[in-house]
PDBML (XML) file of the C-alpha atoms, coordinates in Angstrom:
<?xml version="1.0" encoding="UTF-8" ?>
<PDBx:datablock datablockName="MODEL"
   xmlns:PDBx="http://pdbml.pdb.org/schema/pdbx-v50.xsd"
   xmlns:xsi="http://www.w3.org/2001/XMLSchema-instance"
   xsi:schemaLocation="http://pdbml.pdb.org/schema/pdbx-v50.xsd pdbx-v50.xsd">
   <PDBx:atom_siteCategory>
      <PDBx:atom_site id="1">
         <PDBx:B_iso_or_equiv>0.00</PDBx:B_iso_or_equiv>
         <PDBx:Cartn_x>-28.975</PDBx:Cartn_x>
         <PDBx:Cartn_y>-61.135</PDBx:Cartn_y>
         <PDBx:Cartn_z>143.262</PDBx:Cartn_z>
         <PDBx:auth_asym_id>A</PDBx:auth_asym_id>
         <PDBx:auth_atom_id>CA</PDBx:auth_atom_id>
         <PDBx:auth_comp_id>UNK</PDBx:auth_comp_id>
         <PDBx:auth_seq_id>1</PDBx:auth_seq_id>
         <PDBx:group_PDB>ATOM</PDBx:group_PDB>
         <PDBx:label_alt_id xsi:nil="true" />
         <PDBx:label_asym_id>A</PDBx:label_asym_id>
         <PDBx:label_atom_id>CA</PDBx:label_atom_id>
         <PDBx:label_comp_id>UNK</PDBx:label_comp_id>
         <PDBx:label_entity_id>1</PDBx:label_entity_id>
         <PDBx:label_seq_id>1</PDBx:label_seq_id>
         <PDBx:occupancy>1.00</PDBx:occupancy>
         <PDBx:pdbx_PDB_model_num>1</PDBx:pdbx_PDB_model_num>
         <PDBx:type_symbol>C</PDBx:type_symbol>
      </PDBx:atom_site>
      <PDBx:atom_site id="2">
         <PDBx:B_iso_or_equiv>0.00</PDBx:B_iso_or_equiv>
         <PDBx:Cartn_x>-29.765</PDBx:Cartn_x>
         <PDBx:Cartn_y>-63.258</PDBx:Cartn_y>
         <PDBx:Cartn_z>140.201</PDBx:Cartn_z>
         <PDBx:auth_asym_id>A</PDBx:auth_asym_id>
         <PDBx:auth_atom_id>CA</PDBx:auth_atom_id>
         <PDBx:auth_comp_id>UNK</PDBx:auth_comp_id>
         <PDBx:auth_seq_id>2</PDBx:auth_seq_id>
         <PDBx:group_PDB>ATOM</PDBx:group_PDB>
         <PDBx:label_alt_id xsi:nil="true" />
         <PDBx:label_asym_id>A</PDBx:label_asym_id>
         <PDBx:label_atom_id>CA</PDBx:label_atom_id>
         <PDBx:label_comp_id>UNK</PDBx:label_comp_id>
         <PDBx:label_entity_id>1</PDBx:label_entity_id>
         <PDBx:label_seq_id>2</PDBx:label_seq_id>
         <PDBx:occupancy>1.00</PDBx:occupancy>
         <PDBx:pdbx_PDB_model_num>1</PDBx:pdbx_PDB_model_num>
         <PDBx:type_symbol>C</PDBx:type_symbol>
      </PDBx:atom_site>
      <PDBx:atom_site id="3">
         <PDBx:B_iso_or_equiv>0.00</PDBx:B_iso_or_equiv>
         <PDBx:Cartn_x>-26.084</PDBx:Cartn_x>
         <PDBx:Cartn_y>-63.896</PDBx:Cartn_y>
         <PDBx:Cartn_z>139.553</PDBx:Cartn_z>
         <PDBx:auth_asym_id>A</PDBx:auth_asym_id>
         <PDBx:auth_atom_id>CA</PDBx:auth_atom_id>
         <PDBx:auth_comp_id>UNK</PDBx:auth_comp_id>
         <PDBx:auth_seq_id>3</PDBx:auth_seq_id>
         <PDBx:group_PDB>ATOM</PDBx:group_PDB>
         <PDBx:label_alt_id xsi:nil="true" />
         <PDBx:label_asym_id>A</PDBx:label_asym_id>
         <PDBx:label_atom_id>CA</PDBx:label_atom_id>
         <PDBx:label_comp_id>UNK</PDBx:label_comp_id>
         <PDBx:label_entity_id>1</PDBx:label_entity_id>
         <PDBx:label_seq_id>3</PDBx:label_seq_id>
         <PDBx:occupancy>1.00</PDBx:occupancy>
         <PDBx:pdbx_PDB_model_num>1</PDBx:pdbx_PDB_model_num>
         <PDBx:type_symbol>C</PDBx:type_symbol>
      </PDBx:atom_site>
      <PDBx:atom_site id="4">
         <PDBx:B_iso_or_equiv>0.00</PDBx:B_iso_or_equiv>
         <PDBx:Cartn_x>-25.548</PDBx:Cartn_x>
         <PDBx:Cartn_y>-64.855</PDBx:Cartn_y>
         <PDBx:Cartn_z>143.209</PDBx:Cartn_z>
         <PDBx:auth_asym_id>A</PDBx:auth_asym_id>
         <PDBx:auth_atom_id>CA</PDBx:auth_atom_id>
         <PDBx:auth_comp_id>UNK</PDBx:auth_comp_id>
         <PDBx:auth_seq_id>4</PDBx:auth_seq_id>
         <PDBx:group_PDB>ATOM</PDBx:group_PDB>
         <PDBx:label_alt_id xsi:nil="true" />
         <PDBx:label_asym_id>A</PDBx:label_asym_id>
         <PDBx:label_atom_id>CA</PDBx:label_atom_id>
         <PDBx:label_comp_id>UNK</PDBx:label_comp_id>
         <PDBx:label_entity_id>1</PDBx:label_entity_id>
         <PDBx:label_seq_id>4</PDBx:label_seq_id>
         <PDBx:occupancy>1.00</PDBx:occupancy>
         <PDBx:pdbx_PDB_model_num>1</PDBx:pdbx_PDB_model_num>
         <PDBx:type_symbol>C</PDBx:type_symbol>
      </PDBx:atom_site>
      <PDBx:atom_site id="5">
         <PDBx:B_iso_or_equiv>0.00</PDBx:B_iso_or_equiv>
         <PDBx:Cartn_x>-28.433</PDBx:Cartn_x>
         <PDBx:Cartn_y>-67.330</PDBx:Cartn_y>
         <PDBx:Cartn_z>143.018</PDBx:Cartn_z>
         <PDBx:auth_asym_id>A</PDBx:auth_asym_id>
         <PDBx:auth_atom_id>CA</PDBx:auth_atom_id>
         <PDBx:auth_comp_id>UNK</PDBx:auth_comp_id>
         <PDBx:auth_seq_id>5</PDBx:auth_seq_id>
         <PDBx:group_PDB>ATOM</PDBx:group_PDB>
         <PDBx:label_alt_id xsi:nil="true" />
         <PDBx:label_asym_id>A</PDBx:label_asym_id>
         <PDBx:label_atom_id>CA</PDBx:label_atom_id>
         <PDBx:label_comp_id>UNK</PDBx:label_comp_id>
         <PDBx:label_entity_id>1</PDBx:label_entity_id>
         <PDBx:label_seq_id>5</PDBx:label_seq_id>
         <PDBx:occupancy>1.00</PDBx:occupancy>
         <PDBx:pdbx_PDB_model_num>1</PDBx:pdbx_PDB_model_num>
         <PDBx:type_symbol>C</PDBx:type_symbol>
      </PDBx:atom_site>
      <PDBx:atom_site id="6">
         <PDBx:B_iso_or_equiv>0.00</PDBx:B_iso_or_equiv>
         <PDBx:Cartn_x>-30.412</PDBx:Cartn_x>
         <PDBx:Cartn_y>-65.712</PDBx:Cartn_y>
         <PDBx:Cartn_z>145.827</PDBx:Cartn_z>
         <PDBx:auth_asym_id>A</PDBx:auth_asym_id>
         <PDBx:auth_atom_id>CA</PDBx:auth_atom_id>
         <PDBx:auth_comp_id>UNK</PDBx:auth_comp_id>
         <PDBx:auth_seq_id>6</PDBx:auth_seq_id>
         <PDBx:group_PDB>ATOM</PDBx:group_PDB>
         <PDBx:label_alt_id xsi:nil="true" />
         <PDBx:label_asym_id>A</PDBx:label_asym_id>
         <PDBx:label_atom_id>CA</PDBx:label_atom_id>
         <PDBx:label_comp_id>UNK</PDBx:label_comp_id>
         <PDBx:label_entity_id>1</PDBx:label_entity_id>
         <PDBx:label_seq_id>6</PDBx:label_seq_id>
         <PDBx:occupancy>1.00</PDBx:occupancy>
         <PDBx:pdbx_PDB_model_num>1</PDBx:pdbx_PDB_model_num>
         <PDBx:type_symbol>C</PDBx:type_symbol>
      </PDBx:atom_site>
      <PDBx:atom_site id="7">
         <PDBx:B_iso_or_equiv>0.00</PDBx:B_iso_or_equiv>
         <PDBx:Cartn_x>-33.419</PDBx:Cartn_x>
         <PDBx:Cartn_y>-65.319</PDBx:Cartn_y>
         <PDBx:Cartn_z>143.521</PDBx:Cartn_z>
         <PDBx:auth_asym_id>A</PDBx:auth_asym_id>
         <PDBx:auth_atom_id>CA</PDBx:auth_atom_id>
         <PDBx:auth_comp_id>UNK</PDBx:auth_comp_id>
         <PDBx:auth_seq_id>7</PDBx:auth_seq_id>
         <PDBx:group_PDB>ATOM</PDBx:group_PDB>
         <PDBx:label_alt_id xsi:nil="true" />
         <PDBx:label_asym_id>A</PDBx:label_asym_id>
         <PDBx:label_atom_id>CA</PDBx:label_atom_id>
         <PDBx:label_comp_id>UNK</PDBx:label_comp_id>
         <PDBx:label_entity_id>1</PDBx:label_entity_id>
         <PDBx:label_seq_id>7</PDBx:label_seq_id>
         <PDBx:occupancy>1.00</PDBx:occupancy>
         <PDBx:pdbx_PDB_model_num>1</PDBx:pdbx_PDB_model_num>
         <PDBx:type_symbol>C</PDBx:type_symbol>
      </PDBx:atom_site>
      <PDBx:atom_site id="8">
         <PDBx:B_iso_or_equiv>0.00</PDBx:B_iso_or_equiv>
         <PDBx:Cartn_x>-34.441</PDBx:Cartn_x>
         <PDBx:Cartn_y>-66.761</PDBx:Cartn_y>
         <PDBx:Cartn_z>140.176</PDBx:Cartn_z>
         <PDBx:auth_asym_id>A</PDBx:auth_asym_id>
         <PDBx:auth_atom_id>CA</PDBx:auth_atom_id>
         <PDBx:auth_comp_id>UNK</PDBx:auth_comp_id>
         <PDBx:auth_seq_id>8</PDBx:auth_seq_id>
         <PDBx:group_PDB>ATOM</PDBx:group_PDB>
         <PDBx:label_alt_id xsi:nil="true" />
         <PDBx:label_asym_id>A</PDBx:label_asym_id>
         <PDBx:label_atom_id>CA</PDBx:label_atom_id>
         <PDBx:label_comp_id>UNK</PDBx:label_comp_id>
         <PDBx:label_entity_id>1</PDBx:label_entity_id>
         <PDBx:label_seq_id>8</PDBx:label_seq_id>
         <PDBx:occupancy>1.00</PDBx:occupancy>
         <PDBx:pdbx_PDB_model_num>1</PDBx:pdbx_PDB_model_num>
         <PDBx:type_symbol>C</PDBx:type_symbol>
      </PDBx:atom_site>
      <PDBx:atom_site id="9">
         <PDBx:B_iso_or_equiv>0.00</PDBx:B_iso_or_equiv>
         <PDBx:Cartn_x>-34.790</PDBx:Cartn_x>
         <PDBx:Cartn_y>-64.563</PDBx:Cartn_y>
         <PDBx:Cartn_z>137.128</PDBx:Cartn_z>
         <PDBx:auth_asym_id>A</PDBx:auth_asym_id>
         <PDBx:auth_atom_id>CA</PDBx:auth_atom_id>
         <PDBx:auth_comp_id>UNK</PDBx:auth_comp_id>
         <PDBx:auth_seq_id>9</PDBx:auth_seq_id>
         <PDBx:group_PDB>ATOM</PDBx:group_PDB>
         <PDBx:label_alt_id xsi:nil="true" />
         <PDBx:label_asym_id>A</PDBx:label_asym_id>
         <PDBx:label_atom_id>CA</PDBx:label_atom_id>
         <PDBx:label_comp_id>UNK</PDBx:label_comp_id>
         <PDBx:label_entity_id>1</PDBx:label_entity_id>
         <PDBx:label_seq_id>9</PDBx:label_seq_id>
         <PDBx:occupancy>1.00</PDBx:occupancy>
         <PDBx:pdbx_PDB_model_num>1</PDBx:pdbx_PDB_model_num>
         <PDBx:type_symbol>C</PDBx:type_symbol>
      </PDBx:atom_site>
      <PDBx:atom_site id="10">
         <PDBx:B_iso_or_equiv>0.00</PDBx:B_iso_or_equiv>
         <PDBx:Cartn_x>-38.513</PDBx:Cartn_x>
         <PDBx:Cartn_y>-65.269</PDBx:Cartn_y>
         <PDBx:Cartn_z>137.000</PDBx:Cartn_z>
         <PDBx:auth_asym_id>A</PDBx:auth_asym_id>
         <PDBx:auth_atom_id>CA</PDBx:auth_atom_id>
         <PDBx:auth_comp_id>UNK</PDBx:auth_comp_id>
         <PDBx:auth_seq_id>10</PDBx:auth_seq_id>
         <PDBx:group_PDB>ATOM</PDBx:group_PDB>
         <PDBx:label_alt_id xsi:nil="true" />
         <PDBx:label_asym_id>A</PDBx:label_asym_id>
         <PDBx:label_atom_id>CA</PDBx:label_atom_id>
         <PDBx:label_comp_id>UNK</PDBx:label_comp_id>
         <PDBx:label_entity_id>1</PDBx:label_entity_id>
         <PDBx:label_seq_id>10</PDBx:label_seq_id>
         <PDBx:occupancy>1.00</PDBx:occupancy>
         <PDBx:pdbx_PDB_model_num>1</PDBx:pdbx_PDB_model_num>
         <PDBx:type_symbol>C</PDBx:type_symbol>
      </PDBx:atom_site>
      <PDBx:atom_site id="11">
         <PDBx:B_iso_or_equiv>0.00</PDBx:B_iso_or_equiv>
         <PDBx:Cartn_x>-39.136</PDBx:Cartn_x>
         <PDBx:Cartn_y>-64.382</PDBx:Cartn_y>
         <PDBx:Cartn_z>140.645</PDBx:Cartn_z>
         <PDBx:auth_asym_id>A</PDBx:auth_asym_id>
         <PDBx:auth_atom_id>CA</PDBx:auth_atom_id>
         <PDBx:auth_comp_id>UNK</PDBx:auth_comp_id>
         <PDBx:auth_seq_id>11</PDBx:auth_seq_id>
         <PDBx:group_PDB>ATOM</PDBx:group_PDB>
         <PDBx:label_alt_id xsi:nil="true" />
         <PDBx:label_asym_id>A</PDBx:label_asym_id>
         <PDBx:label_atom_id>CA</PDBx:label_atom_id>
         <PDBx:label_comp_id>UNK</PDBx:label_comp_id>
         <PDBx:label_entity_id>1</PDBx:label_entity_id>
         <PDBx:label_seq_id>11</PDBx:label_seq_id>
         <PDBx:occupancy>1.00</PDBx:occupancy>
         <PDBx:pdbx_PDB_model_num>1</PDBx:pdbx_PDB_model_num>
         <PDBx:type_symbol>C</PDBx:type_symbol>
      </PDBx:atom_site>
      <PDBx:atom_site id="12">
         <PDBx:B_iso_or_equiv>0.00</PDBx:B_iso_or_equiv>
         <PDBx:Cartn_x>-37.005</PDBx:Cartn_x>
         <PDBx:Cartn_y>-61.255</PDBx:Cartn_y>
         <PDBx:Cartn_z>140.271</PDBx:Cartn_z>
         <PDBx:auth_asym_id>A</PDBx:auth_asym_id>
         <PDBx:auth_atom_id>CA</PDBx:auth_atom_id>
         <PDBx:auth_comp_id>UNK</PDBx:auth_comp_id>
         <PDBx:auth_seq_id>12</PDBx:auth_seq_id>
         <PDBx:group_PDB>ATOM</PDBx:group_PDB>
         <PDBx:label_alt_id xsi:nil="true" />
         <PDBx:label_asym_id>A</PDBx:label_asym_id>
         <PDBx:label_atom_id>CA</PDBx:label_atom_id>
         <PDBx:label_comp_id>UNK</PDBx:label_comp_id>
         <PDBx:label_entity_id>1</PDBx:label_entity_id>
         <PDBx:label_seq_id>12</PDBx:label_seq_id>
         <PDBx:occupancy>1.00</PDBx:occupancy>
         <PDBx:pdbx_PDB_model_num>1</PDBx:pdbx_PDB_model_num>
         <PDBx:type_symbol>C</PDBx:type_symbol>
      </PDBx:atom_site>
      <PDBx:atom_site id="13">
         <PDBx:B_iso_or_equiv>0.00</PDBx:B_iso_or_equiv>
         <PDBx:Cartn_x>-39.113</PDBx:Cartn_x>
         <PDBx:Cartn_y>-60.215</PDBx:Cartn_y>
         <PDBx:Cartn_z>137.284</PDBx:Cartn_z>
         <PDBx:auth_asym_id>A</PDBx:auth_asym_id>
         <PDBx:auth_atom_id>CA</PDBx:auth_atom_id>
         <PDBx:auth_comp_id>UNK</PDBx:auth_comp_id>
         <PDBx:auth_seq_id>13</PDBx:auth_seq_id>
         <PDBx:group_PDB>ATOM</PDBx:group_PDB>
         <PDBx:label_alt_id xsi:nil="true" />
         <PDBx:label_asym_id>A</PDBx:label_asym_id>
         <PDBx:label_atom_id>CA</PDBx:label_atom_id>
         <PDBx:label_comp_id>UNK</PDBx:label_comp_id>
         <PDBx:label_entity_id>1</PDBx:label_entity_id>
         <PDBx:label_seq_id>13</PDBx:label_seq_id>
         <PDBx:occupancy>1.00</PDBx:occupancy>
         <PDBx:pdbx_PDB_model_num>1</PDBx:pdbx_PDB_model_num>
         <PDBx:type_symbol>C</PDBx:type_symbol>
      </PDBx:atom_site>
      <PDBx:atom_site id="14">
         <PDBx:B_iso_or_equiv>0.00</PDBx:B_iso_or_equiv>
         <PDBx:Cartn_x>-42.340</PDBx:Cartn_x>
         <PDBx:Cartn_y>-60.748</PDBx:Cartn_y>
         <PDBx:Cartn_z>139.205</PDBx:Cartn_z>
         <PDBx:auth_asym_id>A</PDBx:auth_asym_id>
         <PDBx:auth_atom_id>CA</PDBx:auth_atom_id>
         <PDBx:auth_comp_id>UNK</PDBx:auth_comp_id>
         <PDBx:auth_seq_id>14</PDBx:auth_seq_id>
         <PDBx:group_PDB>ATOM</PDBx:group_PDB>
         <PDBx:label_alt_id xsi:nil="true" />
         <PDBx:label_asym_id>A</PDBx:label_asym_id>
         <PDBx:label_atom_id>CA</PDBx:label_atom_id>
         <PDBx:label_comp_id>UNK</PDBx:label_comp_id>
         <PDBx:label_entity_id>1</PDBx:label_entity_id>
         <PDBx:label_seq_id>14</PDBx:label_seq_id>
         <PDBx:occupancy>1.00</PDBx:occupancy>
         <PDBx:pdbx_PDB_model_num>1</PDBx:pdbx_PDB_model_num>
         <PDBx:type_symbol>C</PDBx:type_symbol>
      </PDBx:atom_site>
      <PDBx:atom_site id="15">
         <PDBx:B_iso_or_equiv>0.00</PDBx:B_iso_or_equiv>
         <PDBx:Cartn_x>-41.053</PDBx:Cartn_x>
         <PDBx:Cartn_y>-58.666</PDBx:Cartn_y>
         <PDBx:Cartn_z>142.112</PDBx:Cartn_z>
         <PDBx:auth_asym_id>A</PDBx:auth_asym_id>
         <PDBx:auth_atom_id>CA</PDBx:auth_atom_id>
         <PDBx:auth_comp_id>UNK</PDBx:auth_comp_id>
         <PDBx:auth_seq_id>15</PDBx:auth_seq_id>
         <PDBx:group_PDB>ATOM</PDBx:group_PDB>
         <PDBx:label_alt_id xsi:nil="true" />
         <PDBx:label_asym_id>A</PDBx:label_asym_id>
         <PDBx:label_atom_id>CA</PDBx:label_atom_id>
         <PDBx:label_comp_id>UNK</PDBx:label_comp_id>
         <PDBx:label_entity_id>1</PDBx:label_entity_id>
         <PDBx:label_seq_id>15</PDBx:label_seq_id>
         <PDBx:occupancy>1.00</PDBx:occupancy>
         <PDBx:pdbx_PDB_model_num>1</PDBx:pdbx_PDB_model_num>
         <PDBx:type_symbol>C</PDBx:type_symbol>
      </PDBx:atom_site>
      <PDBx:atom_site id="16">
         <PDBx:B_iso_or_equiv>0.00</PDBx:B_iso_or_equiv>
         <PDBx:Cartn_x>-39.216</PDBx:Cartn_x>
         <PDBx:Cartn_y>-55.875</PDBx:Cartn_y>
         <PDBx:Cartn_z>140.293</PDBx:Cartn_z>
         <PDBx:auth_asym_id>A</PDBx:auth_asym_id>
         <PDBx:auth_atom_id>CA</PDBx:auth_atom_id>
         <PDBx:auth_comp_id>UNK</PDBx:auth_comp_id>
         <PDBx:auth_seq_id>16</PDBx:auth_seq_id>
         <PDBx:group_PDB>ATOM</PDBx:group_PDB>
         <PDBx:label_alt_id xsi:nil="true" />
         <PDBx:label_asym_id>A</PDBx:label_asym_id>
         <PDBx:label_atom_id>CA</PDBx:label_atom_id>
         <PDBx:label_comp_id>UNK</PDBx:label_comp_id>
         <PDBx:label_entity_id>1</PDBx:label_entity_id>
         <PDBx:label_seq_id>16</PDBx:label_seq_id>
         <PDBx:occupancy>1.00</PDBx:occupancy>
         <PDBx:pdbx_PDB_model_num>1</PDBx:pdbx_PDB_model_num>
         <PDBx:type_symbol>C</PDBx:type_symbol>
      </PDBx:atom_site>
      <PDBx:atom_site id="17">
         <PDBx:B_iso_or_equiv>0.00</PDBx:B_iso_or_equiv>
         <PDBx:Cartn_x>-40.131</PDBx:Cartn_x>
         <PDBx:Cartn_y>-55.467</PDBx:Cartn_y>
         <PDBx:Cartn_z>136.636</PDBx:Cartn_z>
         <PDBx:auth_asym_id>A</PDBx:auth_asym_id>
         <PDBx:auth_atom_id>CA</PDBx:auth_atom_id>
         <PDBx:auth_comp_id>UNK</PDBx:auth_comp_id>
         <PDBx:auth_seq_id>17</PDBx:auth_seq_id>
         <PDBx:group_PDB>ATOM</PDBx:group_PDB>
         <PDBx:label_alt_id xsi:nil="true" />
         <PDBx:label_asym_id>A</PDBx:label_asym_id>
         <PDBx:label_atom_id>CA</PDBx:label_atom_id>
         <PDBx:label_comp_id>UNK</PDBx:label_comp_id>
         <PDBx:label_entity_id>1</PDBx:label_entity_id>
         <PDBx:label_seq_id>17</PDBx:label_seq_id>
         <PDBx:occupancy>1.00</PDBx:occupancy>
         <PDBx:pdbx_PDB_model_num>1</PDBx:pdbx_PDB_model_num>
         <PDBx:type_symbol>C</PDBx:type_symbol>
      </PDBx:atom_site>
      <PDBx:atom_site id="18">
         <PDBx:B_iso_or_equiv>0.00</PDBx:B_iso_or_equiv>
         <PDBx:Cartn_x>-42.196</PDBx:Cartn_x>
         <PDBx:Cartn_y>-52.523</PDBx:Cartn_y>
         <PDBx:Cartn_z>135.417</PDBx:Cartn_z>
         <PDBx:auth_asym_id>A</PDBx:auth_asym_id>
         <PDBx:auth_atom_id>CA</PDBx:auth_atom_id>
         <PDBx:auth_comp_id>UNK</PDBx:auth_comp_id>
         <PDBx:auth_seq_id>18</PDBx:auth_seq_id>
         <PDBx:group_PDB>ATOM</PDBx:group_PDB>
         <PDBx:label_alt_id xsi:nil="true" />
         <PDBx:label_asym_id>A</PDBx:label_asym_id>
         <PDBx:label_atom_id>CA</PDBx:label_atom_id>
         <PDBx:label_comp_id>UNK</PDBx:label_comp_id>
         <PDBx:label_entity_id>1</PDBx:label_entity_id>
         <PDBx:label_seq_id>18</PDBx:label_seq_id>
         <PDBx:occupancy>1.00</PDBx:occupancy>
         <PDBx:pdbx_PDB_model_num>1</PDBx:pdbx_PDB_model_num>
         <PDBx:type_symbol>C</PDBx:type_symbol>
      </PDBx:atom_site>
      <PDBx:atom_site id="19">
         <PDBx:B_iso_or_equiv>0.00</PDBx:B_iso_or_equiv>
         <PDBx:Cartn_x>-43.275</PDBx:Cartn_x>
         <PDBx:Cartn_y>-54.420</PDBx:Cartn_y>
         <PDBx:Cartn_z>132.294</PDBx:Cartn_z>
         <PDBx:auth_asym_id>A</PDBx:auth_asym_id>
         <PDBx:auth_atom_id>CA</PDBx:auth_atom_id>
         <PDBx:auth_comp_id>UNK</PDBx:auth_comp_id>
         <PDBx:auth_seq_id>19</PDBx:auth_seq_id>
         <PDBx:group_PDB>ATOM</PDBx:group_PDB>
         <PDBx:label_alt_id xsi:nil="true" />
         <PDBx:label_asym_id>A</PDBx:label_asym_id>
         <PDBx:label_atom_id>CA</PDBx:label_atom_id>
         <PDBx:label_comp_id>UNK</PDBx:label_comp_id>
         <PDBx:label_entity_id>1</PDBx:label_entity_id>
         <PDBx:label_seq_id>19</PDBx:label_seq_id>
         <PDBx:occupancy>1.00</PDBx:occupancy>
         <PDBx:pdbx_PDB_model_num>1</PDBx:pdbx_PDB_model_num>
         <PDBx:type_symbol>C</PDBx:type_symbol>
      </PDBx:atom_site>
      <PDBx:atom_site id="20">
         <PDBx:B_iso_or_equiv>0.00</PDBx:B_iso_or_equiv>
         <PDBx:Cartn_x>-46.654</PDBx:Cartn_x>
         <PDBx:Cartn_y>-56.232</PDBx:Cartn_y>
         <PDBx:Cartn_z>132.149</PDBx:Cartn_z>
         <PDBx:auth_asym_id>A</PDBx:auth_asym_id>
         <PDBx:auth_atom_id>CA</PDBx:auth_atom_id>
         <PDBx:auth_comp_id>UNK</PDBx:auth_comp_id>
         <PDBx:auth_seq_id>20</PDBx:auth_seq_id>
         <PDBx:group_PDB>ATOM</PDBx:group_PDB>
         <PDBx:label_alt_id xsi:nil="true" />
         <PDBx:label_asym_id>A</PDBx:label_asym_id>
         <PDBx:label_atom_id>CA</PDBx:label_atom_id>
         <PDBx:label_comp_id>UNK</PDBx:label_comp_id>
         <PDBx:label_entity_id>1</PDBx:label_entity_id>
         <PDBx:label_seq_id>20</PDBx:label_seq_id>
         <PDBx:occupancy>1.00</PDBx:occupancy>
         <PDBx:pdbx_PDB_model_num>1</PDBx:pdbx_PDB_model_num>
         <PDBx:type_symbol>C</PDBx:type_symbol>
      </PDBx:atom_site>
      <PDBx:atom_site id="21">
         <PDBx:B_iso_or_equiv>0.00</PDBx:B_iso_or_equiv>
         <PDBx:Cartn_x>-44.662</PDBx:Cartn_x>
         <PDBx:Cartn_y>-59.363</PDBx:Cartn_y>
         <PDBx:Cartn_z>131.241</PDBx:Cartn_z>
         <PDBx:auth_asym_id>A</PDBx:auth_asym_id>
         <PDBx:auth_atom_id>CA</PDBx:auth_atom_id>
         <PDBx:auth_comp_id>UNK</PDBx:auth_comp_id>
         <PDBx:auth_seq_id>21</PDBx:auth_seq_id>
         <PDBx:group_PDB>ATOM</PDBx:group_PDB>
         <PDBx:label_alt_id xsi:nil="true" />
         <PDBx:label_asym_id>A</PDBx:label_asym_id>
         <PDBx:label_atom_id>CA</PDBx:label_atom_id>
         <PDBx:label_comp_id>UNK</PDBx:label_comp_id>
         <PDBx:label_entity_id>1</PDBx:label_entity_id>
         <PDBx:label_seq_id>21</PDBx:label_seq_id>
         <PDBx:occupancy>1.00</PDBx:occupancy>
         <PDBx:pdbx_PDB_model_num>1</PDBx:pdbx_PDB_model_num>
         <PDBx:type_symbol>C</PDBx:type_symbol>
      </PDBx:atom_site>
      <PDBx:atom_site id="22">
         <PDBx:B_iso_or_equiv>0.00</PDBx:B_iso_or_equiv>
         <PDBx:Cartn_x>-43.785</PDBx:Cartn_x>
         <PDBx:Cartn_y>-59.595</PDBx:Cartn_y>
         <PDBx:Cartn_z>134.963</PDBx:Cartn_z>
         <PDBx:auth_asym_id>A</PDBx:auth_asym_id>
         <PDBx:auth_atom_id>CA</PDBx:auth_atom_id>
         <PDBx:auth_comp_id>UNK</PDBx:auth_comp_id>
         <PDBx:auth_seq_id>22</PDBx:auth_seq_id>
         <PDBx:group_PDB>ATOM</PDBx:group_PDB>
         <PDBx:label_alt_id xsi:nil="true" />
         <PDBx:label_asym_id>A</PDBx:label_asym_id>
         <PDBx:label_atom_id>CA</PDBx:label_atom_id>
         <PDBx:label_comp_id>UNK</PDBx:label_comp_id>
         <PDBx:label_entity_id>1</PDBx:label_entity_id>
         <PDBx:label_seq_id>22</PDBx:label_seq_id>
         <PDBx:occupancy>1.00</PDBx:occupancy>
         <PDBx:pdbx_PDB_model_num>1</PDBx:pdbx_PDB_model_num>
         <PDBx:type_symbol>C</PDBx:type_symbol>
      </PDBx:atom_site>
      <PDBx:atom_site id="23">
         <PDBx:B_iso_or_equiv>0.00</PDBx:B_iso_or_equiv>
         <PDBx:Cartn_x>-46.945</PDBx:Cartn_x>
         <PDBx:Cartn_y>-61.646</PDBx:Cartn_y>
         <PDBx:Cartn_z>135.401</PDBx:Cartn_z>
         <PDBx:auth_asym_id>A</PDBx:auth_asym_id>
         <PDBx:auth_atom_id>CA</PDBx:auth_atom_id>
         <PDBx:auth_comp_id>UNK</PDBx:auth_comp_id>
         <PDBx:auth_seq_id>23</PDBx:auth_seq_id>
         <PDBx:group_PDB>ATOM</PDBx:group_PDB>
         <PDBx:label_alt_id xsi:nil="true" />
         <PDBx:label_asym_id>A</PDBx:label_asym_id>
         <PDBx:label_atom_id>CA</PDBx:label_atom_id>
         <PDBx:label_comp_id>UNK</PDBx:label_comp_id>
         <PDBx:label_entity_id>1</PDBx:label_entity_id>
         <PDBx:label_seq_id>23</PDBx:label_seq_id>
         <PDBx:occupancy>1.00</PDBx:occupancy>
         <PDBx:pdbx_PDB_model_num>1</PDBx:pdbx_PDB_model_num>
         <PDBx:type_symbol>C</PDBx:type_symbol>
      </PDBx:atom_site>
      <PDBx:atom_site id="24">
         <PDBx:B_iso_or_equiv>0.00</PDBx:B_iso_or_equiv>
         <PDBx:Cartn_x>-45.265</PDBx:Cartn_x>
         <PDBx:Cartn_y>-64.355</PDBx:Cartn_y>
         <PDBx:Cartn_z>133.281</PDBx:Cartn_z>
         <PDBx:auth_asym_id>A</PDBx:auth_asym_id>
         <PDBx:auth_atom_id>CA</PDBx:auth_atom_id>
         <PDBx:auth_comp_id>UNK</PDBx:auth_comp_id>
         <PDBx:auth_seq_id>24</PDBx:auth_seq_id>
         <PDBx:group_PDB>ATOM</PDBx:group_PDB>
         <PDBx:label_alt_id xsi:nil="true" />
         <PDBx:label_asym_id>A</PDBx:label_asym_id>
         <PDBx:label_atom_id>CA</PDBx:label_atom_id>
         <PDBx:label_comp_id>UNK</PDBx:label_comp_id>
         <PDBx:label_entity_id>1</PDBx:label_entity_id>
         <PDBx:label_seq_id>24</PDBx:label_seq_id>
         <PDBx:occupancy>1.00</PDBx:occupancy>
         <PDBx:pdbx_PDB_model_num>1</PDBx:pdbx_PDB_model_num>
         <PDBx:type_symbol>C</PDBx:type_symbol>
      </PDBx:atom_site>
   </PDBx:atom_siteCategory>
</PDBx:datablock>
């Protein structure tokens, strides 16, 4: 999805990451 440009890396991190850094 990131490669296709349907979502930014940052938004994808916020929505999917299991690391506390998702908040940033």
